[in-house]
Amino acid sequence: MQVPQKFLKIETGQFSTAGRKPENQDFYGILEPRGQALVHKGIAVAIADGISTSPVAHIAAETAVKSFLSDYYCTSDTWSVKTAASRVISATNSWLYGQTKQASCRDKGYVCTFSALVLKGRQAHLFHLGDSRIWRLAGQGLEKLTEDHRVQLSSEDSYLARGLGLVQAVEIDYRAFELRSGDVFVLTTDGVHEFIRQGDIAAAIVQSASLDDAAEAIVEQALEAGSTDNLTIQIVRVADLPDASATDLLVEEGTLPPSPLPRVPGEFEGYRLLRVLHASNRSHIFLGEDETSGDLVALKFPSMDMRDDENYLRRFAMEEWIARRISSPHVLKATEIPKERQSLFLSSEFVEGQTLRQWMTDNPHPDLEAVRALAGQIAKGLRAFHRKEMVHQDLRPENILIDKAGTVKIIDFGSVRIAGVMEAAPALDTSEVLGTHQYTAPELFLGYLGTERSDLFSLGVVVYEMLTGRLPYGASVARATSEKAQAALRYRSACSVTERVPDWVDGAIYRAVHPVPGKRYDALSAFLEDLHRPNPEFHSARSVPFAERDPVRFWQFVSAILALLCALLFSQLFGNP
């Protein structure tokens, strides 16, 4: 019997009042979605406090909270919480700053403090600007999780150093940490926390019948203590956490059963199957025709050998989910399913052409310009992944298609690492090396997470192989599973393999495939630039040791000299007198 999947659940309490002021310039809100939005985006809580000197600050506070709670859920599901929330907050700040610039001074501008809490999966994410605060209940007291951005000039005079709408480019404080069931978070504006002790807030939460009662009681205590400002408090208790391994809701197709492999020719769930395109121990791909539209598609089915592997099936289901979230002419597109599917399979555009592997076989000595053109297209495809905070992790000639028009398309998304998904389902983020080892960046063999520089390494290896027909480290990368072994890796200069590669191109490739990620390029564009224009750093004027340029011949030469010396020594010792 299947155990029901647990989801993130919270209990909340909120209260806000203008207090002794004529108008309440605070604003607050909580959005607790259901279904896929809860899994991919989590629960968002936000509070803002408009500056008291501005007559329009309440608009700033309301805009900040409403924009965050709506726009955050419109960002890509592939983005991490930090990326998605930071971009939304920055966009809101830009609009508020534009409105503030039109005011005669900032004291009449659209300025507010802002604090937000996002609970996703089993993690809490904090975003903060200004002097509103986020706390966590700790025993009989409160642990302050944010720092006030206020400059104190004297005991009675201070000003807000950081907030929304103050400056064009905003600096956002960010923190993330693991959640525990029963955690209680408290968000307050200064009208509350400047007039009531932390212990009294904690006691009210513990002793009250409900969190709403606690929120109201805390505000009343602050008023009685002499608060002269607006007062707002939000209390959030984590009632239940999702299972660490719960991933069924990541994609709806993840719960569908794999079907038996269909027969060809034949019919299958709205398609006519025409012929087999590819078969391996991991998947089977068929050429199909949509019975409704007549369009040709590629249908991918899980291999029979892998159907008992739950992690493999989850990743298989994620491939189409990934394809639907990337829009690039250099990434394989998913196609619409003609009717509700009954089993697990993937449908994508049919690309009539050849793999890069076949192209390399047909073009064993390509000119440099052809290689540059292909590398540029591959890089565009990789950038489409990176803009969505995805890392492909299995870039190799077999996973690169070239259609009849010469357009490159990256395929096979079974190894893709997605920042947003890994936050929702950390159990998927294992140290297993999913890509093909000869093209995988060395740091992944040490258990580090794949990054954009990991994909750059793979691209560099592919470029090297197109030019030379070999791999820059041979098969050594796959065996280098320790830092010591990776330090011993020796790059074989492409110049020593073929004279068709200029030294400055070789230098660019070497930087791209350096075993240490920090010594690679920061961006794909920088690598492409150095492939097209000589970088003086890589010119032949730089003396490159023979051992680095051609380590194989170097050690052959050393071995020959040693053999000769041994022969001479033997002759001296044992030769005829």
Protein backbone atom coordinates (compact mmCIF):
# COMPACT_ATOMS: atom_id res chain seq x y z
CA MET A 1 0.00 0.00 0.00
CA GLN A 2 1.41 3.39 -1.05
CA VAL A 3 1.96 5.83 1.83
CA PRO A 4 0.29 9.24 1.22
CA GLN A 5 2.81 11.94 0.42
CA LYS A 6 3.27 14.67 3.03
CA PHE A 7 3.32 18.34 2.06
CA LEU A 8 4.47 21.54 3.72
CA LYS A 9 1.78 22.90 6.05
CA ILE A 10 1.72 26.02 8.21
CA GLU A 11 -0.46 27.72 10.80
CA THR A 12 -0.62 31.52 10.83
CA GLY A 13 -1.68 34.49 12.93
CA GLN A 14 -1.65 38.15 11.88
CA PHE A 15 -2.69 41.53 13.23
CA SER A 16 -2.15 45.12 12.11
CA THR A 17 -3.36 48.50 13.31
CA ALA A 18 -2.59 52.19 12.73
CA GLY A 19 -2.16 52.56 16.50
CA ARG A 20 -2.05 56.20 17.52
CA LYS A 21 -1.45 57.39 13.96
CA PRO A 22 -4.26 58.50 11.65
CA GLU A 23 -3.18 56.15 8.84
CA ASN A 24 -1.68 52.65 8.74
CA GLN A 25 1.33 52.69 6.39
CA ASP A 26 2.23 49.05 7.11
CA PHE A 27 1.20 46.27 4.73
CA TYR A 28 1.49 42.50 5.02
CA GLY A 29 0.36 39.27 3.38
CA ILE A 30 0.76 35.50 3.12
CA LEU A 31 0.26 33.31 0.07
CA GLU A 32 -0.09 29.57 0.66
CA PRO A 33 -0.64 27.85 -2.71
CA ARG A 34 -1.65 24.29 -3.43
CA GLY A 35 -0.45 21.58 -5.81
CA GLN A 36 2.56 22.16 -8.02
CA ALA A 37 2.99 25.80 -6.95
CA LEU A 38 3.42 24.68 -3.34
CA VAL A 39 6.11 22.18 -4.37
CA HIS A 40 7.98 24.37 -6.86
CA LYS A 41 7.61 27.81 -5.23
CA GLY A 42 6.66 27.22 -1.58
CA ILE A 43 4.82 29.53 0.82
CA ALA A 44 5.57 33.27 0.81
CA VAL A 45 5.16 35.68 3.73
CA ALA A 46 5.91 39.41 3.42
CA ILE A 47 5.71 42.56 5.54
CA ALA A 48 6.52 46.20 4.71
CA ASP A 49 6.56 49.49 6.61
CA GLY A 50 6.33 52.81 4.78
CA ILE A 51 8.50 55.67 6.13
CA SER A 52 6.45 57.98 8.33
CA THR A 53 7.66 61.22 6.68
CA SER A 54 6.19 60.40 3.26
CA PRO A 55 2.48 60.78 2.46
CA VAL A 56 2.74 58.07 -0.23
CA ALA A 57 4.80 55.54 1.71
CA HIS A 58 1.72 53.39 2.30
CA ILE A 59 1.53 52.94 -1.48
CA ALA A 60 5.15 51.77 -1.48
CA ALA A 61 4.47 49.23 1.29
CA GLU A 62 1.36 47.89 -0.39
CA THR A 63 3.10 47.71 -3.78
CA ALA A 64 6.10 45.89 -2.31
CA VAL A 65 4.04 43.18 -0.64
CA LYS A 66 1.48 42.68 -3.39
CA SER A 67 4.14 42.62 -6.11
CA PHE A 68 6.19 40.07 -4.22
CA LEU A 69 3.28 37.74 -3.48
CA SER A 70 2.07 37.79 -7.08
CA ASP A 71 5.21 38.16 -9.20
CA TYR A 72 7.26 35.60 -7.26
CA TYR A 73 4.82 32.89 -8.33
CA CYS A 74 5.13 34.00 -11.96
CA THR A 75 8.87 33.36 -12.09
CA SER A 76 10.31 30.20 -13.62
CA ASP A 77 9.89 27.00 -11.65
CA THR A 78 13.49 26.20 -12.55
CA TRP A 79 14.90 29.17 -10.64
CA SER A 80 16.10 28.91 -7.06
CA VAL A 81 14.17 30.84 -4.43
CA LYS A 82 17.06 33.29 -4.09
CA THR A 83 17.14 34.09 -7.80
CA ALA A 84 13.37 34.35 -8.21
CA ALA A 85 12.73 36.46 -5.11
CA SER A 86 15.75 38.73 -5.64
CA ARG A 87 14.69 39.55 -9.19
CA VAL A 88 11.14 40.35 -8.10
CA ILE A 89 12.34 42.57 -5.23
CA SER A 90 14.84 44.34 -7.50
CA ALA A 91 12.15 44.99 -10.12
CA THR A 92 9.83 46.44 -7.48
CA ASN A 93 12.64 48.60 -6.16
CA SER A 94 13.34 49.96 -9.65
CA TRP A 95 9.70 51.03 -10.04
CA LEU A 96 9.54 52.61 -6.57
CA TYR A 97 12.85 54.39 -7.12
CA GLY A 98 11.55 55.80 -10.40
CA GLN A 99 8.52 57.17 -8.54
CA THR A 100 10.72 58.53 -5.74
CA LYS A 101 12.92 60.41 -8.24
CA GLN A 102 9.87 62.35 -9.34
CA ALA A 103 9.30 63.53 -5.77
CA SER A 104 11.09 66.61 -4.49
CA CYS A 105 12.93 64.57 -1.82
CA ARG A 106 13.07 61.05 -0.45
CA ASP A 107 11.00 62.07 2.60
CA LYS A 108 8.11 62.44 0.19
CA GLY A 109 9.02 59.41 -1.92
CA TYR A 110 7.85 55.85 -2.36
CA VAL A 111 10.08 54.31 0.29
CA CYS A 112 9.47 51.39 2.65
CA THR A 113 11.18 48.64 4.58
CA PHE A 114 10.62 45.08 3.39
CA SER A 115 11.06 41.61 4.88
CA ALA A 116 9.98 38.32 3.32
CA LEU A 117 10.05 34.69 4.34
CA VAL A 118 9.74 31.87 1.77
CA LEU A 119 9.24 28.33 3.03
CA LYS A 120 10.00 25.78 0.32
CA GLY A 121 10.54 22.07 0.75
CA ARG A 122 12.48 21.72 3.99
CA GLN A 123 14.18 25.11 3.87
CA ALA A 124 13.46 28.69 4.95
CA HIS A 125 14.66 31.63 2.83
CA LEU A 126 14.85 35.16 4.27
CA PHE A 127 14.99 38.45 2.34
CA HIS A 128 15.38 41.73 4.18
CA LEU A 129 15.73 45.50 3.74
CA GLY A 130 15.25 48.14 6.42
CA ASP A 131 14.22 47.86 10.07
CA SER A 132 11.27 45.50 10.00
CA ARG A 133 12.41 42.21 11.51
CA ILE A 134 12.15 38.43 11.20
CA TRP A 135 12.51 36.33 14.34
CA ARG A 136 12.43 32.64 15.22
CA LEU A 137 11.01 31.34 18.48
CA ALA A 138 13.82 29.79 20.51
CA GLY A 139 12.79 28.33 23.85
CA GLN A 140 11.43 31.15 26.02
CA GLY A 141 12.83 33.88 23.78
CA LEU A 142 13.26 35.05 20.21
CA GLU A 143 16.26 34.70 17.92
CA LYS A 144 16.62 37.73 15.65
CA LEU A 145 17.32 36.57 12.08
CA THR A 146 17.72 39.98 10.42
CA GLU A 147 19.85 43.08 11.02
CA ASP A 148 18.34 46.58 11.05
CA HIS A 149 19.48 48.85 8.22
CA ARG A 150 19.19 52.05 10.23
CA VAL A 151 21.90 54.58 11.10
CA GLN A 152 21.59 56.05 14.59
CA LEU A 153 22.81 59.67 14.70
CA SER A 154 21.78 60.25 18.30
CA SER A 155 19.46 58.79 20.92
CA GLU A 156 16.53 60.51 19.19
CA ASP A 157 17.70 60.91 15.62
CA SER A 158 18.25 58.15 13.02
CA TYR A 159 17.60 57.46 9.38
CA LEU A 160 16.84 54.43 7.17
CA ALA A 161 20.06 53.35 5.46
CA ARG A 162 18.52 50.70 3.23
CA GLY A 163 15.02 50.13 1.93
CA LEU A 164 12.92 49.80 -1.21
CA GLY A 165 12.72 52.92 -3.36
CA LEU A 166 15.80 54.61 -1.86
CA VAL A 167 18.45 53.86 -4.48
CA GLN A 168 18.47 52.50 -8.02
CA ALA A 169 20.34 49.26 -7.26
CA VAL A 170 19.21 47.62 -4.04
CA GLU A 171 21.32 45.34 -1.82
CA ILE A 172 19.16 42.57 -0.32
CA ASP A 173 20.14 40.60 2.77
CA TYR A 174 19.56 36.87 2.18
CA ARG A 175 19.75 33.83 4.44
CA ALA A 176 18.71 30.20 4.08
CA PHE A 177 18.59 27.37 6.61
CA GLU A 178 16.95 24.03 7.28
CA LEU A 179 13.41 23.89 8.66
CA ARG A 180 12.23 21.81 11.58
CA SER A 181 8.66 20.77 12.25
CA GLY A 182 7.25 23.12 14.87
CA ASP A 183 9.47 26.09 13.95
CA VAL A 184 7.77 29.43 14.68
CA PHE A 185 8.71 32.58 12.77
CA VAL A 186 7.64 36.10 13.70
CA LEU A 187 7.68 39.14 11.40
CA THR A 188 7.26 42.58 13.01
CA THR A 189 7.42 46.26 12.16
CA ASP A 190 9.24 48.66 14.51
CA GLY A 191 5.99 49.81 16.11
CA VAL A 192 5.90 46.38 17.75
CA HIS A 193 9.46 45.29 18.51
CA GLU A 194 10.67 48.68 19.79
CA PHE A 195 8.05 48.75 22.54
CA ILE A 196 7.78 45.18 23.82
CA ARG A 197 10.37 42.77 25.14
CA GLN A 198 11.29 39.68 23.15
CA GLY A 199 10.43 37.44 26.07
CA ASP A 200 6.91 38.89 26.21
CA ILE A 201 6.40 38.17 22.51
CA ALA A 202 7.56 34.59 22.97
CA ALA A 203 5.37 34.12 26.06
CA ALA A 204 2.27 35.40 24.26
CA ILE A 205 2.83 32.94 21.40
CA VAL A 206 3.31 29.99 23.74
CA GLN A 207 0.40 30.83 26.05
CA SER A 208 -2.28 31.98 23.57
CA ALA A 209 -5.02 29.64 22.34
CA SER A 210 -4.31 30.53 18.70
CA LEU A 211 -1.72 32.41 16.71
CA ASP A 212 -4.28 35.08 15.80
CA ASP A 213 -4.96 35.63 19.51
CA ALA A 214 -1.22 35.81 20.14
CA ALA A 215 -0.73 38.40 17.39
CA GLU A 216 -3.49 40.64 18.72
CA ALA A 217 -2.29 40.30 22.32
CA ILE A 218 1.28 41.27 21.35
CA VAL A 219 0.09 44.39 19.52
CA GLU A 220 -2.07 45.37 22.51
CA GLN A 221 0.93 45.02 24.84
CA ALA A 222 3.03 47.22 22.55
CA LEU A 223 0.31 49.89 22.54
CA GLU A 224 0.07 49.78 26.30
CA ALA A 225 3.86 50.15 26.46
CA GLY A 226 3.58 53.47 24.59
CA SER A 227 4.01 52.59 20.88
CA THR A 228 3.44 55.67 18.75
CA ASP A 229 3.86 53.99 15.36
CA ASN A 230 1.84 51.64 13.17
CA LEU A 231 1.95 48.07 14.48
CA THR A 232 1.99 44.87 12.42
CA ILE A 233 2.90 41.30 13.34
CA GLN A 234 2.79 37.99 11.48
CA ILE A 235 3.32 34.61 13.15
CA VAL A 236 3.99 31.43 11.14
CA ARG A 237 4.25 27.96 12.65
CA VAL A 238 5.53 25.02 10.56
CA ALA A 239 2.89 22.35 11.18
CA ASP A 240 4.27 19.68 8.85
CA LEU A 241 7.27 19.20 6.57
CA PRO A 242 7.32 17.31 3.26
CA ASP A 243 9.15 14.01 3.09
CA ALA A 244 12.76 14.53 2.03
CA SER A 245 12.27 11.98 -0.75
CA ALA A 246 8.80 13.16 -1.81
CA THR A 247 9.05 14.03 -5.50
CA ASP A 248 5.81 12.78 -7.05
CA LEU A 249 4.36 16.27 -7.54
CA LEU A 250 7.43 17.64 -9.32
CA VAL A 251 5.84 16.60 -12.60
CA GLU A 252 2.42 15.10 -13.13
CA GLU A 253 3.85 12.47 -15.49
CA GLY A 254 6.06 11.20 -12.68
CA THR A 255 3.18 9.11 -11.34
CA LEU A 256 2.37 7.41 -14.67
CA PRO A 257 3.49 3.80 -15.15
CA PRO A 258 5.92 2.93 -17.97
CA SER A 259 4.22 0.96 -20.70
CA PRO A 260 5.55 -2.14 -22.48
CA LEU A 261 7.60 -1.21 -25.53
CA PRO A 262 5.20 -0.74 -28.46
CA ARG A 263 5.49 -2.65 -31.72
CA VAL A 264 6.60 -1.04 -34.96
CA PRO A 265 4.75 -0.39 -37.15
CA GLY A 266 1.72 0.13 -34.93
CA GLU A 267 -0.39 2.62 -33.02
CA PHE A 268 0.19 4.06 -29.57
CA GLU A 269 -1.86 6.65 -27.63
CA GLY A 270 -2.67 8.89 -30.58
CA TYR A 271 0.44 8.19 -32.65
CA ARG A 272 1.35 5.95 -35.58
CA LEU A 273 4.76 4.43 -34.94
CA LEU A 274 6.83 4.29 -38.11
CA ARG A 275 10.31 3.02 -37.20
CA VAL A 276 12.97 2.77 -34.50
CA LEU A 277 15.36 5.72 -34.34
CA HIS A 278 17.58 4.64 -31.45
CA ALA A 279 17.79 1.95 -28.81
CA SER A 280 20.08 1.58 -25.79
CA ASN A 281 20.07 0.15 -22.29
CA ARG A 282 18.54 3.41 -21.03
CA SER A 283 15.86 4.33 -23.57
CA HIS A 284 14.16 3.52 -26.87
CA ILE A 285 13.26 6.25 -29.39
CA PHE A 286 10.72 5.80 -32.18
CA LEU A 287 9.71 7.96 -35.12
CA GLY A 288 5.99 8.62 -34.77
CA GLU A 289 3.26 10.52 -36.58
CA ASP A 290 0.56 12.45 -34.76
CA GLU A 291 -2.72 10.88 -35.92
CA THR A 292 -4.50 14.25 -35.65
CA SER A 293 -2.02 16.73 -37.15
CA GLY A 294 0.18 14.40 -39.19
CA ASP A 295 3.33 15.96 -37.65
CA LEU A 296 6.38 13.78 -37.24
CA VAL A 297 7.64 13.43 -33.68
CA ALA A 298 10.25 11.50 -31.73
CA LEU A 299 8.76 9.31 -28.99
CA LYS A 300 11.05 8.25 -26.16
CA PHE A 301 10.31 5.30 -23.86
CA PRO A 302 12.14 4.09 -20.74
CA SER A 303 14.29 1.03 -21.25
CA MET A 304 12.93 -2.23 -19.90
CA ASP A 305 16.17 -2.62 -17.92
CA MET A 306 15.58 0.61 -15.97
CA ARG A 307 11.89 0.35 -15.11
CA ASP A 308 12.46 -0.64 -11.51
CA ASP A 309 14.77 2.32 -10.87
CA GLU A 310 12.58 5.04 -9.29
CA ASN A 311 15.23 7.77 -9.58
CA TYR A 312 15.70 7.00 -13.26
CA LEU A 313 11.93 7.17 -13.89
CA ARG A 314 11.66 10.52 -12.07
CA ARG A 315 14.48 11.95 -14.14
CA PHE A 316 12.92 10.52 -17.29
CA ALA A 317 9.63 12.27 -16.50
CA MET A 318 11.54 15.52 -15.81
CA GLU A 319 12.99 15.61 -19.33
CA GLU A 320 9.78 16.82 -20.94
CA TRP A 321 9.17 19.21 -18.03
CA ILE A 322 12.58 20.73 -18.73
CA ALA A 323 12.03 20.96 -22.48
CA ARG A 324 8.76 22.87 -21.98
CA ARG A 325 10.55 25.52 -19.92
CA ILE A 326 13.34 26.29 -22.39
CA SER A 327 12.76 28.26 -25.55
CA SER A 328 15.77 28.14 -27.85
CA PRO A 329 16.35 27.04 -31.45
CA HIS A 330 19.38 25.18 -30.11
CA VAL A 331 17.53 23.01 -27.56
CA LEU A 332 15.21 20.14 -28.48
CA LYS A 333 11.54 21.16 -28.16
CA ALA A 334 8.77 19.15 -26.52
CA THR A 335 5.56 18.68 -28.53
CA GLU A 336 1.95 18.60 -27.42
CA ILE A 337 0.45 15.21 -26.62
CA PRO A 338 -2.65 14.61 -28.83
CA LYS A 339 -4.68 13.08 -25.99
CA GLU A 340 -4.41 12.37 -22.29
CA ARG A 341 -1.53 9.98 -21.88
CA GLN A 342 -1.96 6.73 -20.01
CA SER A 343 1.68 5.80 -19.58
CA LEU A 344 5.13 7.35 -19.21
CA PHE A 345 6.74 8.42 -22.48
CA LEU A 346 8.13 11.64 -23.94
CA SER A 347 7.24 13.43 -27.15
CA SER A 348 9.58 15.88 -28.89
CA GLU A 349 10.18 17.43 -32.28
CA PHE A 350 11.75 15.13 -34.86
CA VAL A 351 15.12 16.47 -36.00
CA GLU A 352 16.16 15.11 -39.38
CA GLY A 353 19.93 15.20 -39.49
CA GLN A 354 22.90 13.65 -37.71
CA THR A 355 24.63 13.66 -34.36
CA LEU A 356 27.81 15.62 -33.87
CA ARG A 357 29.54 12.26 -33.46
CA GLN A 358 28.55 11.29 -37.00
CA TRP A 359 29.57 14.74 -38.25
CA MET A 360 33.00 14.26 -36.69
CA THR A 361 33.32 10.88 -38.38
CA ASP A 362 32.40 12.44 -41.73
CA ASN A 363 34.69 15.45 -41.14
CA PRO A 364 37.85 14.11 -39.46
CA HIS A 365 39.85 17.26 -40.38
CA PRO A 366 37.40 20.18 -40.12
CA ASP A 367 38.55 23.74 -40.69
CA LEU A 368 38.68 26.03 -37.69
CA GLU A 369 35.80 28.20 -38.86
CA ALA A 370 33.41 25.24 -39.03
CA VAL A 371 34.35 24.23 -35.48
CA ARG A 372 33.87 27.80 -34.26
CA ALA A 373 30.41 27.95 -35.85
CA LEU A 374 29.31 24.72 -34.19
CA ALA A 375 30.78 25.73 -30.83
CA GLY A 376 28.90 29.03 -31.00
CA GLN A 377 25.57 27.28 -31.53
CA ILE A 378 26.24 24.77 -28.76
CA ALA A 379 27.08 27.65 -26.42
CA LYS A 380 23.77 29.36 -27.27
CA GLY A 381 21.94 26.19 -26.31
CA LEU A 382 23.86 25.94 -23.04
CA ARG A 383 23.10 29.59 -22.24
CA ALA A 384 19.39 28.80 -22.60
CA PHE A 385 19.83 26.22 -19.83
CA HIS A 386 21.93 28.53 -17.68
CA ARG A 387 19.42 31.40 -17.88
CA LYS A 388 16.93 29.03 -16.25
CA GLU A 389 19.46 27.98 -13.59
CA MET A 390 19.93 24.58 -15.17
CA VAL A 391 23.18 22.72 -15.81
CA HIS A 392 23.06 20.11 -18.60
CA GLN A 393 25.82 17.88 -17.16
CA ASP A 394 25.94 15.46 -20.10
CA LEU A 395 27.14 17.48 -23.07
CA ARG A 396 28.85 15.13 -25.57
CA PRO A 397 28.82 14.56 -29.34
CA GLU A 398 26.05 11.95 -29.06
CA ASN A 399 23.77 14.50 -27.36
CA ILE A 400 24.20 17.18 -30.01
CA LEU A 401 22.11 16.99 -33.18
CA ILE A 402 22.74 18.92 -36.40
CA ASP A 403 19.73 19.23 -38.69
CA LYS A 404 19.86 19.47 -42.49
CA ALA A 405 19.97 23.28 -42.30
CA GLY A 406 23.05 23.11 -40.07
CA THR A 407 21.25 24.12 -36.86
CA VAL A 408 22.62 22.57 -33.69
CA LYS A 409 20.23 21.24 -31.04
CA ILE A 410 21.17 19.93 -27.61
CA ILE A 411 19.20 16.83 -26.60
CA ASP A 412 18.87 14.36 -23.70
CA PHE A 413 17.98 16.12 -20.44
CA GLY A 414 18.21 13.12 -18.13
CA SER A 415 21.24 14.48 -16.28
CA VAL A 416 20.14 18.12 -16.02
CA ARG A 417 20.49 19.72 -12.60
CA ILE A 418 17.73 22.27 -11.87
CA ALA A 419 18.31 24.67 -8.99
CA GLY A 420 14.63 25.19 -8.20
CA VAL A 421 13.77 21.50 -8.33
CA MET A 422 16.68 20.49 -6.13
CA GLU A 423 15.40 22.87 -3.43
CA ALA A 424 11.99 21.20 -3.63
CA ALA A 425 13.35 17.65 -3.73
CA PRO A 426 16.85 17.53 -2.23
CA ALA A 427 16.78 13.73 -2.33
CA LEU A 428 17.31 13.96 -6.10
CA ASP A 429 20.52 15.93 -5.59
CA THR A 430 22.91 13.02 -5.09
CA SER A 431 26.65 12.88 -5.63
CA GLU A 432 26.17 10.37 -8.46
CA VAL A 433 27.93 11.36 -11.69
CA LEU A 434 25.11 11.20 -14.24
CA GLY A 435 26.91 12.29 -17.40
CA THR A 436 29.37 10.46 -19.65
CA HIS A 437 32.63 10.37 -17.71
CA GLN A 438 35.04 11.34 -20.49
CA TYR A 439 33.20 14.67 -20.92
CA THR A 440 32.31 15.29 -17.27
CA ALA A 441 34.07 18.07 -15.35
CA PRO A 442 36.57 16.73 -12.79
CA GLU A 443 34.93 18.45 -9.80
CA LEU A 444 31.84 16.28 -10.16
CA PHE A 445 33.94 13.21 -9.39
CA LEU A 446 34.82 14.83 -6.06
CA GLY A 447 31.15 15.19 -5.14
CA TYR A 448 30.76 18.89 -5.97
CA LEU A 449 27.59 20.15 -7.62
CA GLY A 450 27.59 20.91 -11.33
CA THR A 451 27.81 24.57 -12.33
CA GLU A 452 27.93 26.56 -15.55
CA ARG A 453 31.70 26.06 -15.54
CA SER A 454 31.09 22.31 -15.57
CA ASP A 455 29.19 22.66 -18.85
CA LEU A 456 32.00 24.90 -20.12
CA PHE A 457 34.48 22.09 -19.44
CA SER A 458 32.34 19.68 -21.47
CA LEU A 459 32.10 22.17 -24.35
CA GLY A 460 35.88 22.62 -24.28
CA VAL A 461 36.37 18.85 -24.51
CA VAL A 462 33.96 18.67 -27.47
CA VAL A 463 35.78 21.48 -29.29
CA TYR A 464 39.15 19.81 -28.64
CA GLU A 465 37.83 16.52 -30.00
CA MET A 466 36.37 18.14 -33.11
CA LEU A 467 39.78 19.63 -33.90
CA THR A 468 42.01 16.70 -32.97
CA GLY A 469 39.87 13.56 -32.87
CA ARG A 470 41.14 12.94 -29.34
CA LEU A 471 40.34 13.90 -25.74
CA PRO A 472 42.50 16.50 -23.91
CA TYR A 473 43.20 14.16 -20.96
CA GLY A 474 42.46 10.85 -22.63
CA ALA A 475 40.50 8.62 -20.25
CA SER A 476 42.31 9.99 -17.19
CA VAL A 477 39.53 12.33 -16.03
CA ALA A 478 37.16 9.46 -15.28
CA ARG A 479 39.83 7.81 -13.11
CA ALA A 480 40.81 11.00 -11.28
CA THR A 481 38.46 10.67 -8.32
CA SER A 482 40.64 12.46 -5.76
CA GLU A 483 42.19 15.92 -5.56
CA LYS A 484 45.66 14.38 -5.78
CA ALA A 485 44.76 12.47 -8.94
CA GLN A 486 43.22 15.56 -10.50
CA ALA A 487 46.31 17.63 -9.70
CA ALA A 488 48.29 15.06 -11.69
CA LEU A 489 46.13 15.46 -14.82
CA ARG A 490 48.20 16.67 -17.76
CA TYR A 491 46.67 18.45 -20.72
CA ARG A 492 47.93 17.31 -24.10
CA SER A 493 48.36 20.37 -26.27
CA ALA A 494 46.14 20.37 -29.36
CA CYS A 495 49.07 21.97 -31.21
CA SER A 496 51.08 18.80 -30.67
CA VAL A 497 48.32 16.69 -32.20
CA THR A 498 47.67 18.77 -35.29
CA GLU A 499 49.29 21.81 -36.85
CA ARG A 500 45.85 23.08 -37.87
CA VAL A 501 45.28 24.46 -34.34
CA PRO A 502 46.95 27.84 -33.64
CA ASP A 503 48.64 28.20 -30.26
CA TRP A 504 46.16 30.87 -29.12
CA VAL A 505 43.20 28.58 -29.89
CA ASP A 506 44.96 25.82 -27.96
CA GLY A 507 45.39 28.24 -25.05
CA ALA A 508 41.68 29.06 -25.06
CA ILE A 509 40.73 25.37 -25.03
CA TYR A 510 43.16 24.64 -22.22
CA ARG A 511 41.60 27.35 -20.05
CA ALA A 512 38.11 25.98 -20.81
CA VAL A 513 39.08 22.44 -19.76
CA HIS A 514 41.30 23.31 -16.81
CA PRO A 515 40.84 20.74 -14.02
CA VAL A 516 40.30 23.55 -11.48
CA PRO A 517 36.91 25.27 -12.03
CA GLY A 518 38.16 28.63 -10.76
CA LYS A 519 40.82 28.71 -13.50
CA ARG A 520 38.30 28.30 -16.31
CA TYR A 521 36.49 31.13 -18.05
CA ASP A 522 33.81 32.96 -16.10
CA ALA A 523 31.44 32.89 -19.08
CA LEU A 524 30.89 30.94 -22.29
CA SER A 525 31.10 34.19 -24.26
CA ALA A 526 34.69 34.75 -23.09
CA PHE A 527 35.68 31.30 -24.38
CA LEU A 528 34.05 31.96 -27.75
CA GLU A 529 35.76 35.33 -27.98
CA ASP A 530 39.19 33.73 -27.51
CA LEU A 531 38.36 31.09 -30.13
CA HIS A 532 37.75 33.87 -32.69
CA ARG A 533 40.42 36.43 -31.80
CA PRO A 534 44.00 35.81 -30.63
CA ASN A 535 44.44 36.48 -26.95
CA PRO A 536 47.99 37.76 -26.35
CA GLU A 537 48.11 35.67 -23.20
CA PHE A 538 48.06 32.52 -25.35
CA HIS A 539 50.52 33.66 -28.04
CA SER A 540 53.56 31.61 -28.85
CA ALA A 541 55.73 34.28 -27.24
CA ARG A 542 54.69 32.68 -23.98
CA SER A 543 57.18 29.90 -23.36
CA VAL A 544 55.25 26.67 -22.83
CA PRO A 545 57.34 23.84 -21.37
CA PHE A 546 57.75 20.81 -23.63
CA ALA A 547 56.36 18.62 -20.81
CA GLU A 548 53.12 20.65 -20.91
CA ARG A 549 52.88 20.92 -24.70
CA ASP A 550 53.42 17.20 -25.34
CA PRO A 551 53.68 15.17 -22.12
CA VAL A 552 53.67 11.80 -23.94
CA ARG A 553 56.68 12.61 -26.12
CA PHE A 554 58.37 14.32 -23.18
CA TRP A 555 58.27 11.14 -21.07
CA GLN A 556 59.22 9.00 -24.07
CA PHE A 557 62.25 11.23 -24.53
CA VAL A 558 63.14 11.03 -20.81
CA SER A 559 62.73 7.23 -20.86
CA ALA A 560 65.00 6.94 -23.90
CA ILE A 561 67.74 9.00 -22.23
CA LEU A 562 67.47 6.96 -19.04
CA ALA A 563 67.70 3.72 -21.03
CA LEU A 564 70.80 5.00 -22.80
CA LEU A 565 72.44 6.03 -19.52
CA CYS A 566 71.67 2.61 -18.02
CA ALA A 567 73.24 0.91 -21.03
CA LEU A 568 76.40 3.02 -20.76
CA LEU A 569 76.63 2.36 -17.03
CA PHE A 570 76.19 -1.38 -17.57
CA SER A 571 78.91 -1.29 -20.21
CA GLN A 572 81.31 0.49 -17.83
CA LEU A 573 80.67 -1.94 -15.00
CA PHE A 574 80.53 -5.27 -16.80
CA GLY A 575 82.17 -4.64 -20.16
CA ASN A 576 85.42 -6.30 -21.31
CA PRO A 577 88.62 -4.79 -19.80
